Amino acid sequence: MVITLAEVWRALDEITDPEIPVVSLVEMGIVRDAQIEGDTVIVTMTPTFAGCPALRVMRDSIVEKLTARGAAHVEVKTVLTPRWSSDWLTDAAREKLKAFGLAPPPKHGGNAQLFFPDQVACPYCNSTDTRVANHFGSTLCRAIYFCRACQQPFEQFKAL
């Protein structure tokens, strides 16, 4: 069986982020490129952090998914430059994060000097009457906030 580049991209868009299962690796901007050279599919990815604990899981998922779709060989390249940016999140991913209860990061256009903004819109009630409760959430890329309006704690995906 021969796999096309369009099929490769559809398959990659089905692989969810191991830490945020409502968004795909493509929607997260982690998968940067895909090419077919001969009988090998080459996927280039940039993890959210160089030491991302889910890197192996993502890599294995890519190989497994593409092999199941007919790729004879799959090579996954990890590139760290340019570094991953939360600006690479698609608009669909931002909406899915919010629906999941995780406040999406603001777009910063490469100027991510402010990692913990004072006002973050609560994903539950949209209030900006929030405060940072902890700069470190359940993963390196999240911070914990508290909404004074609805009394809900929530995490925000950090602007990186």
N, C-alpha and C. Protein backbone atom coordinates (compact mmCIF):
# COMPACT_ATOMS: atom_id res chain seq x y z
N MET A 1 0.84 -1.18 0.00
CA MET A 1 0.00 0.00 0.00
C MET A 1 0.89 1.24 0.00
N VAL A 2 0.49 2.24 -0.76
CA VAL A 2 1.22 3.50 -0.84
C VAL A 2 0.41 4.57 -0.11
N ILE A 3 1.09 5.38 0.67
CA ILE A 3 0.42 6.45 1.41
C ILE A 3 0.75 7.79 0.75
N THR A 4 -0.24 8.64 0.63
CA THR A 4 -0.04 9.96 0.04
C THR A 4 0.26 10.98 1.14
N LEU A 5 0.76 12.12 0.73
CA LEU A 5 1.07 13.17 1.70
C LEU A 5 -0.20 13.68 2.38
N ALA A 6 -1.28 13.76 1.63
CA ALA A 6 -2.56 14.18 2.23
C ALA A 6 -3.00 13.19 3.31
N GLU A 7 -2.82 11.90 3.04
CA GLU A 7 -3.17 10.88 4.04
C GLU A 7 -2.26 10.97 5.26
N VAL A 8 -0.99 11.28 5.03
CA VAL A 8 -0.05 11.45 6.13
C VAL A 8 -0.54 12.56 7.05
N TRP A 9 -0.90 13.71 6.49
CA TRP A 9 -1.36 14.84 7.30
C TRP A 9 -2.66 14.52 8.03
N ARG A 10 -3.58 13.80 7.36
CA ARG A 10 -4.83 13.41 8.04
C ARG A 10 -4.54 12.50 9.22
N ALA A 11 -3.62 11.55 9.02
CA ALA A 11 -3.25 10.62 10.10
C ALA A 11 -2.58 11.37 11.25
N LEU A 12 -1.68 12.29 10.93
CA LEU A 12 -0.99 13.06 11.98
C LEU A 12 -1.98 13.91 12.78
N ASP A 13 -3.01 14.43 12.11
CA ASP A 13 -4.00 15.25 12.80
C ASP A 13 -4.89 14.42 13.72
N GLU A 14 -4.83 13.10 13.62
CA GLU A 14 -5.59 12.21 14.51
C GLU A 14 -4.82 11.87 15.78
N ILE A 15 -3.54 12.18 15.83
CA ILE A 15 -2.72 11.85 17.00
C ILE A 15 -2.85 12.98 18.01
N THR A 16 -3.40 12.66 19.16
CA THR A 16 -3.61 13.69 20.18
C THR A 16 -2.37 13.87 21.05
N ASP A 17 -2.27 15.06 21.58
CA ASP A 17 -1.19 15.36 22.51
C ASP A 17 -1.37 14.47 23.74
N PRO A 18 -0.32 13.76 24.17
CA PRO A 18 -0.45 12.86 25.32
C PRO A 18 -0.86 13.55 26.62
N GLU A 19 -0.54 14.84 26.75
CA GLU A 19 -0.86 15.56 27.98
C GLU A 19 -2.15 16.37 27.88
N ILE A 20 -2.59 16.63 26.65
CA ILE A 20 -3.82 17.39 26.43
C ILE A 20 -4.60 16.66 25.32
N PRO A 21 -5.33 15.63 25.68
CA PRO A 21 -5.93 14.75 24.67
C PRO A 21 -7.04 15.33 23.81
N VAL A 22 -7.36 16.59 23.98
CA VAL A 22 -8.42 17.19 23.15
C VAL A 22 -7.86 17.89 21.91
N VAL A 23 -6.53 17.99 21.80
CA VAL A 23 -5.91 18.63 20.65
C VAL A 23 -4.90 17.69 20.00
N SER A 24 -4.75 17.84 18.70
CA SER A 24 -3.80 16.98 17.99
C SER A 24 -2.41 17.61 17.97
N LEU A 25 -1.44 16.79 17.62
CA LEU A 25 -0.07 17.30 17.50
C LEU A 25 0.03 18.34 16.40
N VAL A 26 -0.81 18.22 15.38
CA VAL A 26 -0.83 19.21 14.31
C VAL A 26 -1.43 20.50 14.82
N GLU A 27 -2.55 20.43 15.52
CA GLU A 27 -3.20 21.63 16.07
C GLU A 27 -2.29 22.35 17.07
N MET A 28 -1.49 21.58 17.79
CA MET A 28 -0.56 22.17 18.76
C MET A 28 0.63 22.85 18.09
N GLY A 29 0.84 22.56 16.80
CA GLY A 29 2.00 23.10 16.11
C GLY A 29 3.26 22.32 16.40
N ILE A 30 3.12 21.16 17.02
CA ILE A 30 4.27 20.30 17.34
C ILE A 30 4.78 19.64 16.06
N VAL A 31 3.88 19.14 15.24
CA VAL A 31 4.28 18.58 13.94
C VAL A 31 4.50 19.76 13.01
N ARG A 32 5.72 19.93 12.56
CA ARG A 32 6.09 21.08 11.75
C ARG A 32 6.08 20.79 10.25
N ASP A 33 6.40 19.55 9.87
CA ASP A 33 6.52 19.22 8.46
C ASP A 33 6.38 17.72 8.27
N ALA A 34 5.96 17.35 7.07
CA ALA A 34 5.90 15.93 6.68
C ALA A 34 6.26 15.87 5.21
N GLN A 35 7.07 14.88 4.87
CA GLN A 35 7.50 14.68 3.49
C GLN A 35 7.56 13.19 3.22
N ILE A 36 7.48 12.85 1.96
CA ILE A 36 7.66 11.46 1.54
C ILE A 36 8.85 11.42 0.61
N GLU A 37 9.83 10.59 0.97
CA GLU A 37 11.01 10.39 0.13
C GLU A 37 11.13 8.90 -0.12
N GLY A 38 10.84 8.49 -1.34
CA GLY A 38 10.85 7.06 -1.67
C GLY A 38 9.76 6.36 -0.89
N ASP A 39 10.14 5.36 -0.11
CA ASP A 39 9.15 4.64 0.70
C ASP A 39 9.21 5.05 2.18
N THR A 40 9.81 6.22 2.45
CA THR A 40 9.95 6.70 3.82
C THR A 40 9.16 8.00 4.03
N VAL A 41 8.38 8.01 5.09
CA VAL A 41 7.69 9.23 5.50
C VAL A 41 8.57 9.89 6.55
N ILE A 42 8.90 11.15 6.34
CA ILE A 42 9.74 11.89 7.28
C ILE A 42 8.88 12.97 7.92
N VAL A 43 8.77 12.89 9.24
CA VAL A 43 7.97 13.85 10.00
C VAL A 43 8.92 14.66 10.88
N THR A 44 8.77 15.98 10.81
CA THR A 44 9.59 16.86 11.64
C THR A 44 8.70 17.43 12.73
N MET A 45 9.18 17.32 13.96
CA MET A 45 8.40 17.82 15.09
C MET A 45 9.27 18.66 16.02
N THR A 46 8.63 19.60 16.70
CA THR A 46 9.28 20.43 17.70
C THR A 46 8.44 20.32 18.98
N PRO A 47 8.99 19.69 20.02
CA PRO A 47 8.22 19.58 21.27
C PRO A 47 8.08 20.93 21.95
N THR A 48 7.09 21.02 22.83
CA THR A 48 6.87 22.27 23.54
C THR A 48 8.05 22.64 24.43
N PHE A 49 8.74 21.65 24.95
CA PHE A 49 9.95 21.84 25.73
C PHE A 49 10.99 20.83 25.26
N ALA A 50 12.26 21.20 25.27
CA ALA A 50 13.32 20.30 24.83
C ALA A 50 13.31 19.00 25.63
N GLY A 51 12.99 19.09 26.91
CA GLY A 51 12.97 17.90 27.76
C GLY A 51 11.57 17.37 27.99
N CYS A 52 10.69 17.58 27.04
CA CYS A 52 9.29 17.16 27.19
C CYS A 52 9.20 15.67 27.53
N PRO A 53 8.55 15.33 28.64
CA PRO A 53 8.46 13.92 29.03
C PRO A 53 7.60 13.07 28.08
N ALA A 54 6.80 13.71 27.25
CA ALA A 54 5.94 12.98 26.33
C ALA A 54 6.57 12.80 24.94
N LEU A 55 7.81 13.21 24.78
CA LEU A 55 8.47 13.15 23.48
C LEU A 55 8.47 11.73 22.89
N ARG A 56 8.83 10.76 23.68
CA ARG A 56 8.89 9.38 23.19
C ARG A 56 7.50 8.87 22.82
N VAL A 57 6.51 9.20 23.62
CA VAL A 57 5.15 8.78 23.34
C VAL A 57 4.68 9.38 22.02
N MET A 58 4.96 10.66 21.80
CA MET A 58 4.56 11.31 20.55
C MET A 58 5.26 10.66 19.36
N ARG A 59 6.54 10.43 19.50
CA ARG A 59 7.33 9.81 18.43
C ARG A 59 6.79 8.41 18.11
N ASP A 60 6.55 7.61 19.13
CA ASP A 60 6.03 6.25 18.93
C ASP A 60 4.64 6.29 18.30
N SER A 61 3.82 7.24 18.71
CA SER A 61 2.46 7.36 18.15
C SER A 61 2.50 7.70 16.67
N ILE A 62 3.42 8.57 16.28
CA ILE A 62 3.57 8.95 14.87
C ILE A 62 3.97 7.73 14.05
N VAL A 63 4.97 7.00 14.51
CA VAL A 63 5.44 5.81 13.78
C VAL A 63 4.32 4.78 13.69
N GLU A 64 3.65 4.52 14.79
CA GLU A 64 2.58 3.52 14.82
C GLU A 64 1.43 3.90 13.88
N LYS A 65 0.98 5.14 13.94
CA LYS A 65 -0.16 5.60 13.13
C LYS A 65 0.17 5.53 11.64
N LEU A 66 1.35 6.01 11.26
CA LEU A 66 1.69 6.06 9.84
C LEU A 66 2.00 4.67 9.28
N THR A 67 2.59 3.82 10.09
CA THR A 67 2.84 2.44 9.66
C THR A 67 1.51 1.73 9.44
N ALA A 68 0.56 1.95 10.33
CA ALA A 68 -0.76 1.33 10.20
C ALA A 68 -1.48 1.83 8.95
N ARG A 69 -1.16 3.04 8.52
CA ARG A 69 -1.80 3.62 7.32
C ARG A 69 -1.08 3.24 6.03
N GLY A 70 0.01 2.48 6.13
CA GLY A 70 0.66 1.99 4.92
C GLY A 70 2.05 2.51 4.65
N ALA A 71 2.61 3.31 5.54
CA ALA A 71 3.98 3.79 5.34
C ALA A 71 4.95 2.63 5.59
N ALA A 72 5.85 2.40 4.63
CA ALA A 72 6.83 1.32 4.78
C ALA A 72 7.84 1.66 5.87
N HIS A 73 8.28 2.90 5.86
CA HIS A 73 9.26 3.37 6.85
C HIS A 73 8.84 4.76 7.32
N VAL A 74 9.08 5.02 8.60
CA VAL A 74 8.77 6.33 9.17
C VAL A 74 9.98 6.82 9.94
N GLU A 75 10.38 8.04 9.63
CA GLU A 75 11.48 8.68 10.36
C GLU A 75 10.92 9.93 11.01
N VAL A 76 11.14 10.06 12.31
CA VAL A 76 10.68 11.24 13.04
C VAL A 76 11.91 12.03 13.46
N LYS A 77 11.98 13.26 12.95
CA LYS A 77 13.08 14.15 13.30
C LYS A 77 12.59 15.14 14.34
N THR A 78 13.37 15.33 15.39
CA THR A 78 13.06 16.32 16.41
C THR A 78 13.99 17.50 16.20
N VAL A 79 13.40 18.68 16.00
CA VAL A 79 14.19 19.89 15.84
C VAL A 79 13.83 20.85 16.98
N LEU A 80 14.83 21.51 17.50
CA LEU A 80 14.62 22.40 18.64
C LEU A 80 14.76 23.87 18.28
N THR A 81 15.10 24.16 17.02
CA THR A 81 15.16 25.55 16.57
C THR A 81 14.43 25.67 15.26
N PRO A 82 13.56 26.63 15.10
CA PRO A 82 13.22 27.55 16.17
C PRO A 82 12.47 26.83 17.28
N ARG A 83 12.59 27.36 18.49
CA ARG A 83 11.91 26.72 19.61
C ARG A 83 10.40 26.82 19.41
N TRP A 84 9.69 25.86 19.98
CA TRP A 84 8.24 25.85 19.88
C TRP A 84 7.67 27.11 20.50
N SER A 85 6.61 27.62 19.92
CA SER A 85 5.95 28.82 20.44
C SER A 85 4.46 28.53 20.59
N SER A 86 3.88 29.04 21.65
CA SER A 86 2.44 28.89 21.84
C SER A 86 1.67 29.64 20.75
N ASP A 87 2.33 30.52 20.03
CA ASP A 87 1.69 31.18 18.88
C ASP A 87 1.38 30.17 17.76
N TRP A 88 2.02 29.01 17.79
CA TRP A 88 1.80 27.99 16.77
C TRP A 88 0.49 27.23 16.99
N LEU A 89 -0.14 27.41 18.13
CA LEU A 89 -1.44 26.78 18.36
C LEU A 89 -2.45 27.31 17.34
N THR A 90 -3.21 26.41 16.75
CA THR A 90 -4.24 26.85 15.81
C THR A 90 -5.39 27.48 16.60
N ASP A 91 -6.22 28.24 15.91
CA ASP A 91 -7.41 28.81 16.56
C ASP A 91 -8.33 27.71 17.06
N ALA A 92 -8.43 26.62 16.30
CA ALA A 92 -9.26 25.48 16.73
C ALA A 92 -8.71 24.89 18.02
N ALA A 93 -7.38 24.80 18.12
CA ALA A 93 -6.77 24.27 19.35
C ALA A 93 -7.07 25.17 20.54
N ARG A 94 -7.02 26.47 20.34
CA ARG A 94 -7.31 27.42 21.42
C ARG A 94 -8.74 27.24 21.93
N GLU A 95 -9.67 27.05 21.02
CA GLU A 95 -11.07 26.83 21.41
C GLU A 95 -11.22 25.49 22.14
N LYS A 96 -10.54 24.46 21.67
CA LYS A 96 -10.61 23.15 22.32
C LYS A 96 -9.99 23.18 23.72
N LEU A 97 -8.89 23.92 23.88
CA LEU A 97 -8.27 24.05 25.20
C LEU A 97 -9.25 24.70 26.17
N LYS A 98 -9.90 25.76 25.72
CA LYS A 98 -10.84 26.48 26.58
C LYS A 98 -12.01 25.57 26.96
N ALA A 99 -12.55 24.82 26.01
CA ALA A 99 -13.66 23.90 26.28
C ALA A 99 -13.23 22.79 27.24
N PHE A 100 -11.95 22.46 27.23
CA PHE A 100 -11.37 21.44 28.10
C PHE A 100 -11.15 21.97 29.52
N GLY A 101 -11.28 23.30 29.70
CA GLY A 101 -11.06 23.92 31.01
C GLY A 101 -9.65 24.42 31.20
N LEU A 102 -8.92 24.58 30.11
CA LEU A 102 -7.54 25.05 30.15
C LEU A 102 -7.48 26.36 29.38
N ALA A 103 -7.20 27.45 30.09
CA ALA A 103 -7.16 28.76 29.45
C ALA A 103 -6.04 28.80 28.41
N PRO A 104 -6.38 29.16 27.17
CA PRO A 104 -5.34 29.22 26.14
C PRO A 104 -4.42 30.41 26.38
N PRO A 105 -3.18 30.31 25.94
CA PRO A 105 -2.25 31.43 26.12
C PRO A 105 -2.58 32.56 25.15
N PRO A 106 -2.24 33.78 25.54
CA PRO A 106 -2.44 34.88 24.60
C PRO A 106 -1.44 34.78 23.45
N LYS A 107 -1.82 35.28 22.30
CA LYS A 107 -0.86 35.37 21.19
C LYS A 107 0.09 36.51 21.52
N HIS A 108 1.38 36.28 21.28
CA HIS A 108 2.36 37.28 21.68
C HIS A 108 3.28 37.71 20.55
N GLY A 109 3.20 37.07 19.40
CA GLY A 109 4.00 37.48 18.26
C GLY A 109 5.50 37.45 18.49
N GLY A 110 5.95 36.56 19.36
CA GLY A 110 7.37 36.44 19.64
C GLY A 110 7.85 37.26 20.82
N ASN A 111 6.97 38.05 21.41
CA ASN A 111 7.33 38.86 22.57
C ASN A 111 6.66 38.27 23.81
N ALA A 112 7.19 37.16 24.27
CA ALA A 112 6.60 36.44 25.40
C ALA A 112 7.32 36.77 26.70
N GLN A 113 7.53 38.05 26.97
CA GLN A 113 8.22 38.46 28.18
C GLN A 113 7.36 38.28 29.42
N LEU A 114 6.07 38.39 29.26
CA LEU A 114 5.15 38.30 30.38
C LEU A 114 4.60 36.88 30.44
N PHE A 115 5.17 36.04 31.27
CA PHE A 115 4.77 34.64 31.33
C PHE A 115 3.52 34.43 32.18
N PHE A 116 3.28 35.30 33.16
CA PHE A 116 2.16 35.13 34.05
C PHE A 116 1.34 36.41 34.09
N PRO A 117 0.49 36.61 33.10
CA PRO A 117 -0.30 37.84 33.08
C PRO A 117 -1.24 37.91 34.27
N ASP A 118 -1.48 39.14 34.74
CA ASP A 118 -2.38 39.33 35.88
C ASP A 118 -3.80 38.92 35.56
N GLN A 119 -4.24 39.25 34.35
CA GLN A 119 -5.61 38.94 33.98
C GLN A 119 -5.64 37.84 32.92
N VAL A 120 -6.21 36.73 33.31
CA VAL A 120 -6.41 35.61 32.41
C VAL A 120 -7.89 35.30 32.43
N ALA A 121 -8.49 35.19 31.27
CA ALA A 121 -9.93 34.89 31.21
C ALA A 121 -10.18 33.46 31.67
N CYS A 122 -11.07 33.32 32.62
CA CYS A 122 -11.45 32.02 33.14
C CYS A 122 -12.12 31.21 32.02
N PRO A 123 -11.70 29.97 31.81
CA PRO A 123 -12.32 29.18 30.75
C PRO A 123 -13.75 28.74 31.08
N TYR A 124 -14.17 28.91 32.33
CA TYR A 124 -15.51 28.48 32.75
C TYR A 124 -16.53 29.61 32.65
N CYS A 125 -16.13 30.84 33.07
CA CYS A 125 -17.12 31.93 33.10
C CYS A 125 -16.67 33.18 32.33
N ASN A 126 -15.47 33.15 31.77
CA ASN A 126 -14.89 34.26 31.00
C ASN A 126 -14.52 35.49 31.82
N SER A 127 -14.64 35.43 33.13
CA SER A 127 -14.25 36.55 33.96
C SER A 127 -12.73 36.72 33.93
N THR A 128 -12.28 37.96 34.01
CA THR A 128 -10.85 38.22 34.13
C THR A 128 -10.48 38.58 35.57
N ASP A 129 -11.41 38.39 36.49
CA ASP A 129 -11.14 38.60 37.91
C ASP A 129 -10.48 37.34 38.44
N THR A 130 -9.23 37.15 38.01
CA THR A 130 -8.48 35.93 38.33
C THR A 130 -7.14 36.30 38.94
N ARG A 131 -6.50 35.32 39.56
CA ARG A 131 -5.16 35.53 40.12
C ARG A 131 -4.34 34.26 39.95
N VAL A 132 -3.03 34.43 39.91
CA VAL A 132 -2.13 33.28 39.84
C VAL A 132 -2.12 32.61 41.21
N ALA A 133 -2.37 31.33 41.22
CA ALA A 133 -2.31 30.58 42.48
C ALA A 133 -0.96 29.86 42.59
N ASN A 134 -0.42 29.44 41.46
CA ASN A 134 0.87 28.77 41.44
C ASN A 134 1.44 28.89 40.04
N HIS A 135 2.70 29.26 39.93
CA HIS A 135 3.33 29.41 38.63
C HIS A 135 3.59 28.07 37.95
N PHE A 136 3.42 26.99 38.67
CA PHE A 136 3.66 25.66 38.11
C PHE A 136 2.42 24.80 38.25
N GLY A 137 1.93 24.31 37.11
CA GLY A 137 0.76 23.45 37.10
C GLY A 137 1.13 22.00 36.99
N SER A 138 0.24 21.22 36.42
CA SER A 138 0.45 19.77 36.33
C SER A 138 1.54 19.40 35.33
N THR A 139 1.88 20.31 34.42
CA THR A 139 3.00 20.10 33.50
C THR A 139 3.79 21.40 33.44
N LEU A 140 4.98 21.35 32.85
CA LEU A 140 5.84 22.52 32.77
C LEU A 140 5.21 23.68 32.00
N CYS A 141 4.30 23.36 31.09
CA CYS A 141 3.74 24.40 30.24
C CYS A 141 2.43 24.98 30.78
N ARG A 142 2.13 24.74 32.05
CA ARG A 142 0.88 25.26 32.62
C ARG A 142 1.13 25.99 33.95
N ALA A 143 0.26 26.94 34.24
CA ALA A 143 0.25 27.64 35.53
C ALA A 143 -1.16 27.51 36.10
N ILE A 144 -1.28 27.58 37.42
CA ILE A 144 -2.58 27.44 38.07
C ILE A 144 -3.11 28.81 38.46
N TYR A 145 -4.34 29.06 38.08
CA TYR A 145 -5.02 30.31 38.40
C TYR A 145 -6.27 30.01 39.22
N PHE A 146 -6.82 31.05 39.83
CA PHE A 146 -8.07 30.95 40.57
C PHE A 146 -8.99 32.06 40.11
N CYS A 147 -10.24 31.71 39.82
CA CYS A 147 -11.22 32.70 39.38
C CYS A 147 -12.03 33.16 40.60
N ARG A 148 -11.97 34.45 40.87
CA ARG A 148 -12.73 34.99 41.99
C ARG A 148 -14.22 35.04 41.71
N ALA A 149 -14.60 35.13 40.44
CA ALA A 149 -16.01 35.25 40.06
C ALA A 149 -16.77 33.93 40.26
N CYS A 150 -16.24 32.84 39.72
CA CYS A 150 -16.96 31.56 39.81
C CYS A 150 -16.34 30.60 40.83
N GLN A 151 -15.24 31.05 41.46
CA GLN A 151 -14.57 30.29 42.51
C GLN A 151 -13.95 28.98 42.02
N GLN A 152 -13.61 28.95 40.73
CA GLN A 152 -13.02 27.74 40.15
C GLN A 152 -11.51 27.90 40.00
N PRO A 153 -10.75 26.89 40.38
CA PRO A 153 -9.34 26.89 39.99
C PRO A 153 -9.27 26.40 38.54
N PHE A 154 -8.26 26.87 37.82
CA PHE A 154 -8.06 26.40 36.46
C PHE A 154 -6.60 26.57 36.08
N GLU A 155 -6.20 25.88 35.04
CA GLU A 155 -4.85 26.01 34.55
C GLU A 155 -4.85 26.86 33.28
N GLN A 156 -3.74 27.57 33.09
CA GLN A 156 -3.55 28.30 31.85
C GLN A 156 -2.33 27.74 31.17
N PHE A 157 -2.44 27.51 29.89
CA PHE A 157 -1.30 27.12 29.09
C PHE A 157 -0.40 28.35 28.99
N LYS A 158 0.85 28.23 29.40
CA LYS A 158 1.75 29.37 29.43
C LYS A 158 2.06 29.88 28.02
N ALA A 159 2.23 31.17 27.91
CA ALA A 159 2.70 31.77 26.66
C ALA A 159 4.18 31.51 26.55
N LEU A 160 4.56 30.76 25.56
CA LEU A 160 5.97 30.40 25.37
C LEU A 160 6.43 30.83 24.00
